[in-house]
Amino acid sequence: METPFVVGADGSDASLTATDWAADEAVRLRGPLRIVNASRWEWYEGSVPPWSLNRPSGQVLAENIAATAAERARRRAPGLKVTTDVLIEDAASALVKEGRSAAAVVVGSRGRSELADLLLGSVGLIVAARSHGPVIVVRGDRHALEARHRRVLLGIGEHDVDSPAVRFAFREAAFRQVELDVVRAWRRPAHEPVDHLLLPGGASHYEEQQATMLLDKAVEAAVRAHPEVRLRRTTVEGPAHKTLVERSVAADLLVVGARRLEVHVGMELGRVAYRALHHAACPVAVVPQGHGAPIRGER
C-alpha cells in the first residue's frame, strides 16, 4: 500500500493553497493524496436518528469541502490518485494521528477563524509541534509556492548528523532537481573574549571551524546517498532563526528538524522552528528527529 500525502482541508483560501501544493508534491514524489476534513460538527448539531432522511448540515458542509478540494487536486494533477475522508474529531488531533501513517502532512498557514490568523493558525502550529512525521506548513509568495527559486534550504542544528530532516531535505532537492542550500548558524559565546589566548585565530575562528565541521558531518551520509544533488554549504554568524528566515526569501522550501521529548510537555517546538513557521517566506517542513519510517525516495 502506497504511503499517502495528507492535506487538511477546511474550506479556507489557505487550505486550498495547501491542497495545490500537496498535489504538486504528490506528483513529484509519485505518491497518492489523501484529503481530510475534520471537525466537531456533532457537538453543535447533535446526533441524527438512524431513521432520519436528513443529514446534519455540518456533515454536508464537511463532505462538500473535502469533495471540492479533491476536485481541485484532480484538475491540477490529472491522473493523481486522490481520496477523501471526513472525520468527526478536532482537526489538530485528527491530523496528528494521520501523520503516523503519512509520507507528510500538509496544512495551510492560516485557519478559518480570525483568531487563528493572529498566530500562524492554531491547527498548523499544533500539528507541526506534535506530529511524529514530517509536517509542511504552506506559506510564502507565488515564487516560492510555484517553486521558481529552484532551491531547498536546510537548517543544521546541534543534533542533525544524518538526521531525518537532513535526509528529507536531500530527497526534496533530488526529486526537484534543484540546489540544496545547507546552513549552519553559529554564535561566539558571550562570556568569551573575541581574542582568546588559547584559541588560534580567536574564539570566533574556533566557533566557525566547529560549525563547519558539524555541517560537513551532518550531510556526509546524505551526500553519498544523493551525489546528484548540487550542494551549497554555508556557515553564518548570528541567530539561526533570523538567518534562516532571511535566507528563505530565495527558497522554495525550508526544512528544519524538531526534537521530540519522551514526555509531552508544551508545544515541543524550538525557537528556530517556531520562528520559521511564523515568518518564513516559503513553505516550511518540520521533520521530527524521532521520525523512524523511511523517507519516501531514500536509497
Protein backbone atom coordinates (compact mmCIF):
# COMPACT_ATOMS: atom_id res chain seq x y z
CA MET A 1 0.00 0.00 0.00
CA GLU A 2 1.40 3.37 -1.02
CA THR A 3 2.03 5.91 1.72
CA PRO A 4 -0.13 8.98 1.05
CA PHE A 5 0.48 12.65 1.43
CA VAL A 6 -2.23 14.01 3.72
CA VAL A 7 -3.59 17.54 3.43
CA GLY A 8 -6.02 19.18 5.81
CA ALA A 9 -8.96 20.88 4.10
CA ASP A 10 -11.25 23.31 5.92
CA GLY A 11 -12.55 25.40 3.01
CA SER A 12 -10.29 28.39 3.68
CA ASP A 13 -8.18 30.02 0.99
CA ALA A 14 -5.07 28.87 2.84
CA SER A 15 -6.21 25.23 2.80
CA LEU A 16 -6.90 25.44 -0.94
CA THR A 17 -3.37 26.75 -1.45
CA ALA A 18 -2.10 23.88 0.69
CA THR A 19 -4.10 21.44 -1.45
CA ASP A 20 -2.45 22.78 -4.60
CA TRP A 21 1.00 22.46 -3.03
CA ALA A 22 0.26 18.96 -1.73
CA ALA A 23 -0.94 17.84 -5.17
CA ASP A 24 2.28 19.09 -6.74
CA GLU A 25 4.32 17.34 -4.04
CA ALA A 26 2.46 14.05 -4.51
CA VAL A 27 3.15 14.20 -8.24
CA ARG A 28 6.84 14.99 -7.66
CA LEU A 29 7.30 12.09 -5.25
CA ARG A 30 4.89 9.76 -7.05
CA GLY A 31 2.51 9.14 -4.16
CA PRO A 32 -1.26 9.31 -3.62
CA LEU A 33 -3.01 12.27 -2.00
CA ARG A 34 -5.45 11.94 0.90
CA ILE A 35 -7.65 14.94 1.69
CA VAL A 36 -9.02 15.12 5.23
CA ASN A 37 -11.67 17.35 6.69
CA ALA A 38 -12.02 17.05 10.45
CA SER A 39 -14.42 18.99 12.65
CA ARG A 40 -16.66 18.62 15.68
CA TRP A 41 -19.92 19.50 13.94
CA GLU A 42 -21.74 16.87 16.05
CA TRP A 43 -21.03 18.94 19.14
CA TYR A 44 -23.13 21.78 17.79
CA GLU A 45 -25.85 19.90 15.92
CA GLY A 46 -26.20 16.72 17.94
CA SER A 47 -26.62 13.24 16.53
CA VAL A 48 -29.28 12.39 13.98
CA PRO A 49 -31.58 9.38 14.44
CA PRO A 50 -30.68 6.49 12.12
CA TRP A 51 -34.16 6.62 10.52
CA SER A 52 -33.87 10.29 9.58
CA LEU A 53 -33.60 11.12 5.87
CA ASN A 54 -31.90 14.43 6.58
CA ARG A 55 -28.17 14.61 7.07
CA PRO A 56 -26.79 17.21 9.50
CA SER A 57 -25.81 20.43 7.78
CA GLY A 58 -22.36 20.20 9.37
CA GLN A 59 -21.77 16.81 7.79
CA VAL A 60 -22.95 18.06 4.40
CA LEU A 61 -20.62 21.06 4.65
CA ALA A 62 -17.65 18.88 5.62
CA GLU A 63 -18.27 16.47 2.74
CA ASN A 64 -18.61 19.36 0.29
CA ILE A 65 -15.35 20.93 1.48
CA ALA A 66 -13.48 17.64 1.04
CA ALA A 67 -15.06 16.98 -2.36
CA THR A 68 -14.26 20.49 -3.60
CA ALA A 69 -10.63 20.14 -2.54
CA ALA A 70 -10.42 16.72 -4.23
CA GLU A 71 -11.81 18.06 -7.48
CA ARG A 72 -9.34 20.95 -7.33
CA ALA A 73 -6.45 18.49 -6.85
CA ARG A 74 -7.62 16.29 -9.74
CA ARG A 75 -7.87 19.28 -12.07
CA ARG A 76 -4.40 20.41 -11.08
CA ALA A 77 -2.83 16.97 -11.40
CA PRO A 78 -4.77 14.70 -13.79
CA GLY A 79 -4.00 11.08 -13.05
CA LEU A 80 -3.17 11.72 -9.40
CA LYS A 81 -4.80 9.21 -7.06
CA VAL A 82 -6.94 11.27 -4.67
CA THR A 83 -9.08 10.03 -1.78
CA THR A 84 -11.09 11.94 0.83
CA ASP A 85 -12.24 11.37 4.38
CA VAL A 86 -14.46 13.30 6.79
CA LEU A 87 -13.65 12.79 10.46
CA ILE A 88 -15.71 13.81 13.48
CA GLU A 89 -12.76 14.98 15.53
CA ASP A 90 -10.94 18.22 16.19
CA ALA A 91 -8.70 18.99 13.22
CA ALA A 92 -5.37 19.12 15.05
CA SER A 93 -5.80 15.75 16.78
CA ALA A 94 -7.01 14.11 13.57
CA LEU A 95 -4.06 15.35 11.51
CA VAL A 96 -1.55 14.36 14.19
CA LYS A 97 -2.96 10.81 14.01
CA GLU A 98 -2.90 10.90 10.21
CA GLY A 99 0.79 11.78 10.36
CA ARG A 100 1.63 8.38 11.85
CA SER A 101 0.96 6.70 8.50
CA ALA A 102 1.61 9.52 6.04
CA ALA A 103 4.60 10.49 3.93
CA ALA A 104 3.91 14.01 5.20
CA VAL A 105 1.03 16.11 6.49
CA VAL A 106 0.41 19.37 4.65
CA VAL A 107 -1.53 22.25 6.21
CA GLY A 108 -2.22 25.87 5.35
CA SER A 109 -0.64 28.71 7.25
CA ARG A 110 -3.98 30.16 8.28
CA GLY A 111 -7.21 28.74 9.60
CA ARG A 112 -10.78 29.84 9.01
CA SER A 113 -11.06 31.88 12.19
CA GLU A 114 -9.72 35.42 12.56
CA LEU A 115 -8.26 34.48 15.95
CA ALA A 116 -6.22 31.68 14.37
CA ASP A 117 -4.84 34.14 11.83
CA LEU A 118 -3.07 36.02 14.62
CA LEU A 119 -0.73 33.11 15.39
CA LEU A 120 0.00 31.08 12.27
CA GLY A 121 -3.21 29.11 12.63
CA SER A 122 -3.75 27.02 15.72
CA VAL A 123 -4.19 23.77 13.79
CA GLY A 124 -0.97 24.17 11.80
CA LEU A 125 1.03 25.07 14.88
CA ILE A 126 -0.24 22.14 16.96
CA VAL A 127 0.25 19.60 14.17
CA ALA A 128 3.78 20.82 13.44
CA ALA A 129 4.60 20.69 17.15
CA ARG A 130 3.21 17.24 17.91
CA SER A 131 3.28 15.15 14.76
CA HIS A 132 5.62 12.16 14.69
CA GLY A 133 6.12 12.55 10.94
CA PRO A 134 7.06 15.43 8.62
CA VAL A 135 4.66 18.38 8.53
CA ILE A 136 4.73 21.04 5.83
CA VAL A 137 3.09 24.39 6.58
CA VAL A 138 2.38 26.08 3.25
CA ARG A 139 3.15 29.79 3.27
CA GLY A 140 5.06 32.31 1.17
CA ASP A 141 4.68 34.26 -2.05
CA ARG A 142 3.87 32.98 -5.52
CA HIS A 143 7.52 32.49 -6.47
CA ALA A 144 8.03 30.11 -3.55
CA LEU A 145 4.70 28.32 -3.94
CA GLU A 146 5.36 27.73 -7.62
CA ALA A 147 8.94 26.58 -6.91
CA ARG A 148 10.53 29.26 -9.07
CA HIS A 149 13.62 29.77 -6.90
CA ARG A 150 14.81 26.22 -7.59
CA ARG A 151 16.38 25.94 -4.17
CA VAL A 152 15.70 23.98 -0.96
CA LEU A 153 17.03 25.48 2.28
CA LEU A 154 18.12 23.26 5.18
CA GLY A 155 19.00 24.49 8.65
CA ILE A 156 21.51 22.34 10.53
CA GLY A 157 21.05 22.09 14.30
CA GLU A 158 23.19 20.52 17.02
CA HIS A 159 21.55 17.11 16.62
CA ASP A 160 21.22 16.92 12.83
CA VAL A 161 24.01 14.47 11.97
CA ASP A 162 22.37 12.24 9.34
CA SER A 163 19.01 13.21 10.85
CA PRO A 164 15.57 12.66 9.29
CA ALA A 165 15.50 16.39 8.47
CA VAL A 166 18.76 16.12 6.52
CA ARG A 167 17.53 13.08 4.60
CA PHE A 168 14.19 14.76 3.92
CA ALA A 169 15.89 17.87 2.51
CA PHE A 170 18.19 15.84 0.25
CA ARG A 171 15.24 13.84 -1.01
CA GLU A 172 13.35 17.02 -1.85
CA ALA A 173 16.31 18.53 -3.68
CA ALA A 174 16.88 15.30 -5.61
CA PHE A 175 13.29 14.95 -6.79
CA ARG A 176 13.01 18.64 -7.62
CA GLN A 177 16.46 18.61 -9.28
CA VAL A 178 17.41 21.85 -7.55
CA GLU A 179 20.20 23.23 -5.40
CA LEU A 180 20.28 22.43 -1.69
CA ASP A 181 21.43 25.33 0.47
CA VAL A 182 22.68 23.89 3.78
CA VAL A 183 23.23 26.45 6.53
CA ARG A 184 24.75 26.19 9.97
CA ALA A 185 24.46 29.34 12.07
CA TRP A 186 26.94 29.84 14.88
CA ARG A 187 27.49 32.36 17.66
CA ARG A 188 30.52 33.15 19.77
CA PRO A 189 29.74 32.55 23.46
CA ALA A 190 29.05 35.88 25.12
CA HIS A 191 31.34 35.11 28.06
CA GLU A 192 34.43 34.54 25.87
CA PRO A 193 36.59 37.41 24.61
CA VAL A 194 37.00 37.90 20.87
CA ASP A 195 40.76 37.18 21.07
CA HIS A 196 41.05 34.07 23.20
CA LEU A 197 44.68 33.42 24.19
CA LEU A 198 44.35 29.62 23.95
CA LEU A 199 42.49 29.51 20.62
CA PRO A 200 44.47 30.20 17.40
CA GLY A 201 42.68 32.93 15.50
CA GLY A 202 40.47 33.76 18.46
CA ALA A 203 37.16 32.43 19.74
CA SER A 204 35.23 33.45 16.63
CA HIS A 205 37.53 31.48 14.34
CA TYR A 206 37.20 28.44 16.59
CA GLU A 207 33.39 28.60 16.65
CA GLU A 208 33.28 28.97 12.87
CA GLN A 209 35.52 25.91 12.47
CA GLN A 210 33.27 23.92 14.77
CA ALA A 211 30.23 24.97 12.76
CA THR A 212 31.88 23.88 9.51
CA MET A 213 32.84 20.51 10.99
CA LEU A 214 29.31 19.91 12.25
CA LEU A 215 27.79 20.86 8.90
CA ASP A 216 30.11 18.54 6.98
CA LYS A 217 29.44 15.66 9.37
CA ALA A 218 25.68 16.26 9.28
CA VAL A 219 25.42 15.84 5.50
CA GLU A 220 28.18 13.27 4.93
CA ALA A 221 25.93 10.22 4.62
CA ALA A 222 23.28 12.05 2.58
CA VAL A 223 25.91 13.30 0.13
CA ARG A 224 26.94 9.70 -0.52
CA ALA A 225 23.29 8.68 -0.99
CA HIS A 226 22.49 11.61 -3.31
CA PRO A 227 25.65 12.51 -5.27
CA GLU A 228 23.47 14.18 -7.89
CA VAL A 229 22.32 16.94 -5.52
CA ARG A 230 24.03 20.29 -6.04
CA LEU A 231 25.11 21.44 -2.61
CA ARG A 232 25.92 24.87 -1.17
CA ARG A 233 27.43 24.80 2.32
CA THR A 234 27.32 27.97 4.38
CA THR A 235 28.24 28.86 7.95
CA VAL A 236 26.89 32.17 9.21
CA GLU A 237 27.47 34.03 12.45
CA GLY A 238 24.18 35.02 14.03
CA PRO A 239 20.93 33.63 15.43
CA ALA A 240 19.79 30.58 13.49
CA HIS A 241 16.11 31.58 13.42
CA LYS A 242 16.92 35.00 11.98
CA THR A 243 19.41 33.61 9.46
CA LEU A 244 17.00 31.02 8.07
CA VAL A 245 14.07 33.43 7.83
CA GLU A 246 16.24 35.89 5.89
CA ARG A 247 17.52 33.22 3.51
CA SER A 248 14.03 31.77 2.99
CA VAL A 249 13.18 34.63 0.60
CA ALA A 250 15.23 32.82 -2.06
CA ALA A 251 13.99 29.28 -1.32
CA ASP A 252 11.04 27.13 -2.35
CA LEU A 253 11.12 25.07 0.85
CA LEU A 254 12.76 25.48 4.25
CA VAL A 255 13.49 22.26 6.17
CA VAL A 256 14.15 22.26 9.91
CA GLY A 257 14.41 19.46 12.44
CA ALA A 258 12.41 19.17 15.65
CA ARG A 259 13.30 17.16 18.71
CA ARG A 260 10.54 15.15 20.37
CA LEU A 261 10.57 14.54 24.11
CA GLU A 262 9.56 11.24 25.70
CA VAL A 263 7.24 13.19 28.00
CA HIS A 264 4.96 15.53 26.06
CA VAL A 265 5.24 18.95 27.63
CA GLY A 266 4.10 22.13 25.91
CA MET A 267 4.28 22.59 22.17
CA GLU A 268 7.62 20.81 21.64
CA LEU A 269 8.89 23.34 19.12
CA GLY A 270 12.23 25.06 19.42
CA ARG A 271 12.79 28.71 18.66
CA VAL A 272 14.09 28.04 15.13
CA ALA A 273 11.06 26.01 14.03
CA TYR A 274 8.62 28.34 15.78
CA ARG A 275 10.00 31.46 14.15
CA ALA A 276 10.24 29.78 10.75
CA LEU A 277 6.60 28.72 10.89
CA HIS A 278 5.52 32.28 11.63
CA HIS A 279 7.91 34.32 9.48
CA ALA A 280 9.48 32.26 6.66
CA ALA A 281 8.91 33.49 3.11
CA CYS A 282 8.37 29.96 1.78
CA PRO A 283 6.73 26.67 2.84
CA VAL A 284 8.31 25.16 5.96
CA ALA A 285 8.86 21.44 6.58
CA VAL A 286 9.24 20.45 10.23
CA VAL A 287 10.76 16.97 10.47
CA PRO A 288 10.90 15.37 13.93
CA GLN A 289 14.06 13.53 14.91
CA GLY A 290 12.03 10.61 16.10
CA HIS A 291 10.58 10.05 12.62
CA GLY A 292 11.53 6.42 12.13
CA ALA A 293 9.69 5.49 8.94
CA PRO A 294 11.76 5.52 5.73
CA ILE A 295 11.63 8.84 3.88
CA ARG A 296 9.97 8.31 0.50
CA GLY A 297 12.71 8.23 -2.09
CA GLU A 298 15.53 7.29 0.31
CA ARG A 299 18.17 4.97 -1.02
